């Protein structure tokens, strides 16, 4: 599983399609993982970001299998401490 965590000040590069590479890398690593990656048989991509960034990230969202916001996590785990 490939997690991309974007902090509120982060942006996706404008000169290359970084997001498409995440899905390709995740699938490739499911077939033949590098030594530093736990072997696995399936692949998925997840974007974790602030809800306020969703409009800016809109062109990239469909390329992720799942999008989770920090605010979603805060609602699901209200006792956890998150620093944005």
N, C-alpha and C. Protein backbone atom coordinates (compact mmCIF):
# COMPACT_ATOMS: atom_id res chain seq x y z
N UNK A 1 0.85 -1.16 0.00
CA UNK A 1 0.00 0.00 0.00
C UNK A 1 0.90 1.23 0.00
N UNK A 2 0.60 2.15 -0.86
CA UNK A 2 1.38 3.38 -0.97
C UNK A 2 0.58 4.52 -0.35
N UNK A 3 1.09 5.08 0.74
CA UNK A 3 0.46 6.23 1.38
C UNK A 3 1.22 7.48 0.98
N UNK A 4 0.52 8.47 0.51
CA UNK A 4 1.10 9.79 0.26
C UNK A 4 0.49 10.73 1.28
N UNK A 5 1.33 11.28 2.14
CA UNK A 5 0.87 12.20 3.18
C UNK A 5 1.29 13.60 2.78
N UNK A 6 0.30 14.47 2.58
CA UNK A 6 0.56 15.85 2.20
C UNK A 6 0.21 16.76 3.36
N UNK A 7 1.18 17.48 3.86
CA UNK A 7 0.95 18.48 4.90
C UNK A 7 0.25 19.69 4.28
N UNK A 8 -0.39 20.54 5.07
CA UNK A 8 -1.15 21.66 4.51
C UNK A 8 -0.38 22.57 3.56
N UNK A 9 0.92 22.70 3.71
CA UNK A 9 1.70 23.56 2.81
C UNK A 9 2.24 22.82 1.59
N UNK A 10 2.04 21.51 1.51
CA UNK A 10 2.58 20.71 0.41
C UNK A 10 1.78 20.89 -0.88
N UNK A 11 2.45 20.66 -2.00
CA UNK A 11 1.83 20.70 -3.32
C UNK A 11 2.31 19.49 -4.12
N UNK A 12 1.56 19.12 -5.14
CA UNK A 12 2.03 18.13 -6.09
C UNK A 12 2.89 18.85 -7.12
N UNK A 13 3.98 18.23 -7.59
CA UNK A 13 4.80 18.87 -8.62
C UNK A 13 3.96 19.18 -9.86
N UNK A 14 4.21 20.32 -10.48
CA UNK A 14 3.43 20.71 -11.65
C UNK A 14 4.04 20.23 -12.96
N UNK A 15 5.32 19.86 -12.96
CA UNK A 15 5.98 19.50 -14.21
C UNK A 15 6.00 18.00 -14.50
N UNK A 16 5.48 17.19 -13.58
CA UNK A 16 5.42 15.75 -13.84
C UNK A 16 4.19 15.16 -13.15
N UNK A 17 3.76 14.03 -13.65
CA UNK A 17 2.56 13.38 -13.10
C UNK A 17 2.99 12.42 -12.00
N UNK A 18 3.36 13.00 -10.88
CA UNK A 18 3.87 12.24 -9.73
C UNK A 18 2.87 11.18 -9.27
N UNK A 19 1.60 11.50 -9.27
CA UNK A 19 0.58 10.61 -8.72
C UNK A 19 0.47 9.32 -9.52
N UNK A 20 0.53 9.38 -10.83
CA UNK A 20 0.47 8.17 -11.65
C UNK A 20 1.62 7.23 -11.30
N UNK A 21 2.77 7.80 -11.01
CA UNK A 21 3.93 6.97 -10.64
C UNK A 21 3.69 6.23 -9.34
N UNK A 22 2.91 6.78 -8.41
CA UNK A 22 2.62 6.08 -7.16
C UNK A 22 1.92 4.77 -7.43
N UNK A 23 0.90 4.79 -8.26
CA UNK A 23 0.14 3.57 -8.56
C UNK A 23 1.02 2.55 -9.27
N UNK A 24 1.83 3.00 -10.21
CA UNK A 24 2.73 2.08 -10.93
C UNK A 24 3.74 1.46 -9.98
N UNK A 25 4.31 2.28 -9.10
CA UNK A 25 5.30 1.78 -8.14
C UNK A 25 4.66 0.80 -7.16
N UNK A 26 3.47 1.14 -6.68
CA UNK A 26 2.80 0.25 -5.73
C UNK A 26 2.53 -1.11 -6.36
N UNK A 27 2.08 -1.12 -7.61
CA UNK A 27 1.79 -2.38 -8.29
C UNK A 27 3.08 -3.15 -8.56
N UNK A 28 4.12 -2.44 -8.97
CA UNK A 28 5.41 -3.08 -9.23
C UNK A 28 5.96 -3.71 -7.95
N UNK A 29 5.87 -2.99 -6.84
CA UNK A 29 6.39 -3.51 -5.57
C UNK A 29 5.56 -4.68 -5.07
N UNK A 30 4.31 -4.80 -5.48
CA UNK A 30 3.52 -5.97 -5.10
C UNK A 30 4.05 -7.21 -5.81
N UNK A 31 4.64 -7.01 -6.97
CA UNK A 31 5.20 -8.13 -7.74
C UNK A 31 6.61 -8.47 -7.26
N UNK A 32 7.43 -7.44 -7.05
CA UNK A 32 8.81 -7.64 -6.65
C UNK A 32 9.23 -6.49 -5.73
N UNK A 33 9.05 -6.68 -4.45
CA UNK A 33 9.32 -5.62 -3.47
C UNK A 33 10.81 -5.46 -3.23
N UNK A 34 11.28 -4.20 -3.10
CA UNK A 34 12.66 -3.99 -2.68
C UNK A 34 12.86 -4.55 -1.26
N UNK A 35 14.11 -4.75 -0.86
CA UNK A 35 14.40 -5.33 0.45
C UNK A 35 13.78 -4.55 1.60
N UNK A 36 13.66 -3.22 1.46
CA UNK A 36 13.14 -2.38 2.54
C UNK A 36 11.61 -2.40 2.62
N UNK A 37 10.95 -3.08 1.68
CA UNK A 37 9.48 -3.11 1.65
C UNK A 37 9.00 -4.51 2.02
N UNK A 38 8.05 -4.59 2.92
CA UNK A 38 7.50 -5.88 3.32
C UNK A 38 6.84 -6.54 2.11
N UNK A 39 7.15 -7.80 1.82
CA UNK A 39 6.54 -8.46 0.67
C UNK A 39 5.02 -8.47 0.78
N UNK A 40 4.35 -8.27 -0.34
CA UNK A 40 2.89 -8.24 -0.38
C UNK A 40 2.43 -8.64 -1.77
N UNK A 41 1.16 -9.02 -1.90
CA UNK A 41 0.65 -9.54 -3.16
C UNK A 41 -0.34 -8.59 -3.84
N UNK A 42 -0.72 -7.51 -3.19
CA UNK A 42 -1.69 -6.59 -3.76
C UNK A 42 -1.20 -5.18 -3.53
N UNK A 43 -1.77 -4.23 -4.25
CA UNK A 43 -1.33 -2.84 -4.12
C UNK A 43 -2.52 -1.90 -4.08
N UNK A 44 -2.34 -0.82 -3.34
CA UNK A 44 -3.36 0.23 -3.27
C UNK A 44 -2.66 1.55 -3.00
N UNK A 45 -3.30 2.65 -3.38
CA UNK A 45 -2.75 3.98 -3.11
C UNK A 45 -3.73 4.78 -2.27
N UNK A 46 -3.19 5.52 -1.29
CA UNK A 46 -4.00 6.30 -0.37
C UNK A 46 -3.38 7.69 -0.27
N UNK A 47 -4.22 8.72 -0.37
CA UNK A 47 -3.79 10.09 -0.11
C UNK A 47 -4.32 10.49 1.25
N UNK A 48 -3.44 11.00 2.09
CA UNK A 48 -3.82 11.52 3.41
C UNK A 48 -3.47 13.00 3.39
N UNK A 49 -4.50 13.86 3.57
CA UNK A 49 -4.27 15.30 3.47
C UNK A 49 -5.35 16.06 4.24
N UNK A 50 -5.17 17.37 4.30
CA UNK A 50 -6.16 18.23 4.93
C UNK A 50 -7.36 18.42 4.00
N UNK A 51 -8.55 18.46 4.55
CA UNK A 51 -9.76 18.69 3.75
C UNK A 51 -9.68 20.01 3.00
N UNK A 52 -9.00 20.98 3.57
CA UNK A 52 -8.89 22.29 2.91
C UNK A 52 -8.11 22.23 1.60
N UNK A 53 -7.31 21.17 1.40
CA UNK A 53 -6.51 21.03 0.19
C UNK A 53 -7.23 20.26 -0.92
N UNK A 54 -8.38 19.67 -0.63
CA UNK A 54 -9.07 18.86 -1.63
C UNK A 54 -9.36 19.62 -2.92
N UNK A 55 -9.83 20.87 -2.88
CA UNK A 55 -10.05 21.58 -4.15
C UNK A 55 -8.77 21.73 -4.98
N UNK A 56 -7.65 22.02 -4.33
CA UNK A 56 -6.37 22.15 -5.04
C UNK A 56 -5.91 20.81 -5.61
N UNK A 57 -6.14 19.74 -4.88
CA UNK A 57 -5.69 18.41 -5.29
C UNK A 57 -6.68 17.71 -6.23
N UNK A 58 -7.80 18.34 -6.53
CA UNK A 58 -8.87 17.72 -7.32
C UNK A 58 -8.37 17.01 -8.59
N UNK A 59 -7.45 17.58 -9.37
CA UNK A 59 -6.99 16.88 -10.58
C UNK A 59 -6.31 15.54 -10.29
N UNK A 60 -5.87 15.33 -9.05
CA UNK A 60 -5.11 14.12 -8.70
C UNK A 60 -5.94 13.09 -7.93
N UNK A 61 -7.05 13.50 -7.37
CA UNK A 61 -7.79 12.63 -6.45
C UNK A 61 -8.24 11.32 -7.07
N UNK A 62 -8.68 11.35 -8.32
CA UNK A 62 -9.17 10.12 -8.96
C UNK A 62 -8.07 9.09 -9.18
N UNK A 63 -6.82 9.49 -9.09
CA UNK A 63 -5.71 8.56 -9.30
C UNK A 63 -5.35 7.79 -8.03
N UNK A 64 -5.94 8.17 -6.90
CA UNK A 64 -5.74 7.45 -5.65
C UNK A 64 -6.91 6.51 -5.42
N UNK A 65 -6.65 5.34 -4.90
CA UNK A 65 -7.71 4.40 -4.58
C UNK A 65 -8.57 4.90 -3.44
N UNK A 66 -7.95 5.61 -2.50
CA UNK A 66 -8.64 6.12 -1.32
C UNK A 66 -8.08 7.48 -0.96
N UNK A 67 -8.95 8.38 -0.53
CA UNK A 67 -8.53 9.69 -0.02
C UNK A 67 -9.08 9.81 1.40
N UNK A 68 -8.20 10.08 2.35
CA UNK A 68 -8.57 10.25 3.75
C UNK A 68 -8.06 11.61 4.19
N UNK A 69 -8.91 12.37 4.86
CA UNK A 69 -8.45 13.66 5.36
C UNK A 69 -8.05 13.56 6.83
N UNK A 70 -7.22 14.49 7.24
CA UNK A 70 -6.85 14.56 8.66
C UNK A 70 -8.10 14.73 9.51
N UNK A 71 -9.07 15.48 8.97
CA UNK A 71 -10.31 15.72 9.69
C UNK A 71 -11.12 14.43 9.85
N UNK A 72 -11.10 13.55 8.81
CA UNK A 72 -11.74 12.24 8.91
C UNK A 72 -11.11 11.44 10.06
N UNK A 73 -9.79 11.46 10.10
CA UNK A 73 -9.09 10.72 11.16
C UNK A 73 -9.43 11.27 12.54
N UNK A 74 -9.48 12.59 12.64
CA UNK A 74 -9.81 13.21 13.92
C UNK A 74 -11.21 12.78 14.36
N UNK A 75 -12.16 12.70 13.43
CA UNK A 75 -13.52 12.27 13.77
C UNK A 75 -13.59 10.81 14.15
N UNK A 76 -12.78 9.99 13.48
CA UNK A 76 -12.78 8.55 13.76
C UNK A 76 -12.03 8.21 15.05
N UNK A 77 -10.98 8.98 15.33
CA UNK A 77 -10.16 8.75 16.51
C UNK A 77 -10.09 10.04 17.32
N UNK A 78 -11.17 10.44 17.97
CA UNK A 78 -11.21 11.75 18.64
C UNK A 78 -10.21 11.91 19.78
N UNK A 79 -9.73 10.83 20.34
CA UNK A 79 -8.78 10.94 21.45
C UNK A 79 -7.32 10.97 20.99
N UNK A 80 -7.11 10.73 19.70
CA UNK A 80 -5.74 10.77 19.17
C UNK A 80 -5.30 12.21 19.00
N UNK A 81 -4.02 12.44 19.12
CA UNK A 81 -3.49 13.79 18.95
C UNK A 81 -2.91 13.90 17.55
N UNK A 82 -3.45 14.84 16.79
CA UNK A 82 -2.93 15.14 15.44
C UNK A 82 -2.47 16.57 15.43
N UNK A 83 -1.29 16.79 14.89
CA UNK A 83 -0.83 18.18 14.74
C UNK A 83 -0.77 18.48 13.26
N UNK A 84 -1.51 19.47 12.85
CA UNK A 84 -1.52 19.88 11.45
C UNK A 84 -0.59 21.04 11.32
